Amino acid sequence: MAAPTQHLGAQELVAAVASVVANEPDMIADMANIAAMIFEALPDLNWAGFYIWKEDQLVLGPFQGRMACTRIAYGRGGVRDGGAGTADACCARRACLSRPYCL
């Protein structure tokens, strides 16, 4: 399946992602393709990707877009909250998308 070339609704994006990862057992490969699909499908984003929980910190995983923090210590948050300037804690012990949408 090719990456989306147009804006997709949430249900269409979920279905497209499901079809791409259905037969791929490698988590890193899946995260790379998911990040690319989200970034292509949602043109207003400047970053789409994952952080992986390792050794009591979030470590940057596959992503598309602008540069990102490489490591985020537990309890430190790395995503700004809608311009309010407060850091959100990012889904401790889970893989996360940039704005605090957790998987």
C-alpha atoms as a PDB file:
ATOM      1  CA  MET A   1       0.000   0.000   0.000  1.00  0.00           C
ATOM      2  CA  ALA A   2       1.300   3.468  -0.872  1.00  0.00           C
ATOM      3  CA  ALA A   3       1.388   6.352   1.602  1.00  0.00           C
ATOM      4  CA  PRO A   4      -1.699   8.566   1.536  1.00  0.00           C
ATOM      5  CA  THR A   5      -1.475  11.576  -0.774  1.00  0.00           C
ATOM      6  CA  GLN A   6      -4.514  13.393   0.565  1.00  0.00           C
ATOM      7  CA  HIS A   7      -6.070  14.363   3.881  1.00  0.00           C
ATOM      8  CA  LEU A   8      -7.584  11.319   5.533  1.00  0.00           C
ATOM      9  CA  GLY A   9     -10.176  11.183   8.261  1.00  0.00           C
ATOM     10  CA  ALA A  10      -9.344   9.326  11.452  1.00  0.00           C
ATOM     11  CA  GLN A  11     -11.115   6.126  10.396  1.00  0.00           C
ATOM     12  CA  GLU A  12      -9.440   6.044   6.978  1.00  0.00           C
ATOM     13  CA  LEU A  13      -6.020   6.672   8.525  1.00  0.00           C
ATOM     14  CA  VAL A  14      -6.515   3.905  11.094  1.00  0.00           C
ATOM     15  CA  ALA A  15      -7.576   1.494   8.338  1.00  0.00           C
ATOM     16  CA  ALA A  16      -4.585   2.446   6.159  1.00  0.00           C
ATOM     17  CA  VAL A  17      -2.169   1.984   9.068  1.00  0.00           C
ATOM     18  CA  ALA A  18      -3.720  -1.365   9.979  1.00  0.00           C
ATOM     19  CA  SER A  19      -3.252  -2.659   6.444  1.00  0.00           C
ATOM     20  CA  VAL A  20       0.403  -1.569   6.321  1.00  0.00           C
ATOM     21  CA  VAL A  21       1.405  -3.129   9.642  1.00  0.00           C
ATOM     22  CA  ALA A  22      -0.731  -6.283   9.396  1.00  0.00           C
ATOM     23  CA  ASN A  23       2.081  -8.510   8.125  1.00  0.00           C
ATOM     24  CA  GLU A  24       5.132  -6.751   9.569  1.00  0.00           C
ATOM     25  CA  PRO A  25       6.298  -8.093  12.950  1.00  0.00           C
ATOM     26  CA  ASP A  26       9.087  -5.546  13.457  1.00  0.00           C
ATOM     27  CA  MET A  27       7.999  -2.709  15.778  1.00  0.00           C
ATOM     28  CA  ILE A  28      10.580  -0.199  14.469  1.00  0.00           C
ATOM     29  CA  ALA A  29       9.590  -0.794  10.849  1.00  0.00           C
ATOM     30  CA  ASP A  30       5.923  -0.407  11.782  1.00  0.00           C
ATOM     31  CA  MET A  31       6.574   2.831  13.697  1.00  0.00           C
ATOM     32  CA  ALA A  32       8.555   4.246  10.743  1.00  0.00           C
ATOM     33  CA  ASN A  33       5.724   3.551   8.310  1.00  0.00           C
ATOM     34  CA  ILE A  34       3.061   4.827  10.716  1.00  0.00           C
ATOM     35  CA  ALA A  35       4.973   8.084  11.257  1.00  0.00           C
ATOM     36  CA  ALA A  36       5.327   8.572   7.496  1.00  0.00           C
ATOM     37  CA  MET A  37       1.650   7.869   6.875  1.00  0.00           C
ATOM     38  CA  ILE A  38       0.491  10.264   9.596  1.00  0.00           C
ATOM     39  CA  PHE A  39       2.861  12.980   8.408  1.00  0.00           C
ATOM     40  CA  GLU A  40       1.705  12.627   4.785  1.00  0.00           C
ATOM     41  CA  ALA A  41      -2.001  12.328   5.613  1.00  0.00           C
ATOM     42  CA  LEU A  42      -2.217  15.312   7.981  1.00  0.00           C
ATOM     43  CA  PRO A  43      -0.668  18.296   6.186  1.00  0.00           C
ATOM     44  CA  ASP A  44      -0.886  20.680   9.153  1.00  0.00           C
ATOM     45  CA  LEU A  45       1.551  18.624  11.253  1.00  0.00           C
ATOM     46  CA  ASN A  46       5.200  19.586  11.533  1.00  0.00           C
ATOM     47  CA  TRP A  47       6.158  16.361  13.350  1.00  0.00           C
ATOM     48  CA  ALA A  48       4.774  12.846  13.657  1.00  0.00           C
ATOM     49  CA  GLY A  49       6.621  10.065  15.383  1.00  0.00           C
ATOM     50  CA  PHE A  50       7.340   7.931  18.376  1.00  0.00           C
ATOM     51  CA  TYR A  51       9.286   7.872  21.591  1.00  0.00           C
ATOM     52  CA  ILE A  52      10.224   4.503  23.073  1.00  0.00           C
ATOM     53  CA  TRP A  53      10.479   3.873  26.821  1.00  0.00           C
ATOM     54  CA  LYS A  54      14.044   2.672  27.622  1.00  0.00           C
ATOM     55  CA  GLU A  55      15.933   2.679  30.900  1.00  0.00           C
ATOM     56  CA  ASP A  56      13.660   5.139  32.750  1.00  0.00           C
ATOM     57  CA  GLN A  57      13.478   7.651  29.895  1.00  0.00           C
ATOM     58  CA  LEU A  58      11.804   8.248  26.559  1.00  0.00           C
ATOM     59  CA  VAL A  59      14.195   7.829  23.623  1.00  0.00           C
ATOM     60  CA  LEU A  60      13.421   9.214  20.180  1.00  0.00           C
ATOM     61  CA  GLY A  61      12.187   6.597  17.755  1.00  0.00           C
ATOM     62  CA  PRO A  62      11.134   6.762  14.110  1.00  0.00           C
ATOM     63  CA  PHE A  63       9.635  10.085  13.051  1.00  0.00           C
ATOM     64  CA  GLN A  64       8.981  12.467  10.153  1.00  0.00           C
ATOM     65  CA  GLY A  65       9.327  16.232  10.335  1.00  0.00           C
ATOM     66  CA  ARG A  66      11.323  18.726  12.369  1.00  0.00           C
ATOM     67  CA  MET A  67      14.145  17.834  14.703  1.00  0.00           C
ATOM     68  CA  ALA A  68      13.107  16.449  18.080  1.00  0.00           C
ATOM     69  CA  CYS A  69      14.533  15.961  21.554  1.00  0.00           C
ATOM     70  CA  THR A  70      16.577  12.776  21.576  1.00  0.00           C
ATOM     71  CA  ARG A  71      15.873  11.813  25.194  1.00  0.00           C
ATOM     72  CA  ILE A  72      13.238  12.903  27.693  1.00  0.00           C
ATOM     73  CA  ALA A  73      13.839  11.998  31.325  1.00  0.00           C
ATOM     74  CA  TYR A  74      11.010  10.476  33.338  1.00  0.00           C
ATOM     75  CA  GLY A  75       8.741  13.206  34.709  1.00  0.00           C
ATOM     76  CA  ARG A  76      10.148  15.894  32.418  1.00  0.00           C
ATOM     77  CA  GLY A  77       7.637  16.153  29.548  1.00  0.00           C
ATOM     78  CA  GLY A  78       8.714  17.142  26.097  1.00  0.00           C
ATOM     79  CA  VAL A  79       5.641  18.391  24.315  1.00  0.00           C
ATOM     80  CA  ARG A  80       4.345  21.927  24.718  1.00  0.00           C
ATOM     81  CA  ASP A  81       0.675  22.291  25.534  1.00  0.00           C
ATOM     82  CA  GLY A  82      -1.094  24.322  22.840  1.00  0.00           C
ATOM     83  CA  GLY A  83       1.097  27.395  23.284  1.00  0.00           C
ATOM     84  CA  ALA A  84       0.459  27.620  27.011  1.00  0.00           C
ATOM     85  CA  GLY A  85       4.129  26.927  27.671  1.00  0.00           C
ATOM     86  CA  THR A  86       3.662  24.076  30.117  1.00  0.00           C
ATOM     87  CA  ALA A  87       5.269  20.742  29.370  1.00  0.00           C
ATOM     88  CA  ASP A  88       3.040  17.691  29.205  1.00  0.00           C
ATOM     89  CA  ALA A  89       4.300  14.427  30.639  1.00  0.00           C
ATOM     90  CA  CYS A  90       4.426  12.021  27.721  1.00  0.00           C
ATOM     91  CA  CYS A  91       2.777   8.683  28.362  1.00  0.00           C
ATOM     92  CA  ALA A  92       5.305   7.070  30.691  1.00  0.00           C
ATOM     93  CA  ARG A  93       6.199   3.490  29.726  1.00  0.00           C
ATOM     94  CA  ARG A  94       4.469   3.611  26.310  1.00  0.00           C
ATOM     95  CA  ALA A  95       5.338   4.534  22.736  1.00  0.00           C
ATOM     96  CA  CYS A  96       3.897   7.974  22.019  1.00  0.00           C
ATOM     97  CA  LEU A  97       3.004  10.242  19.173  1.00  0.00           C
ATOM     98  CA  SER A  98       4.245  13.816  19.549  1.00  0.00           C
ATOM     99  CA  ARG A  99       1.122  15.541  20.879  1.00  0.00           C
ATOM    100  CA  PRO A 100       0.141  13.355  23.762  1.00  0.00           C
ATOM    101  CA  TYR A 101      -1.671  10.656  21.827  1.00  0.00           C
ATOM    102  CA  CYS A 102      -0.516   7.360  23.252  1.00  0.00           C
ATOM    103  CA  LEU A 103      -0.534   3.884  21.811  1.00  0.00           C
END
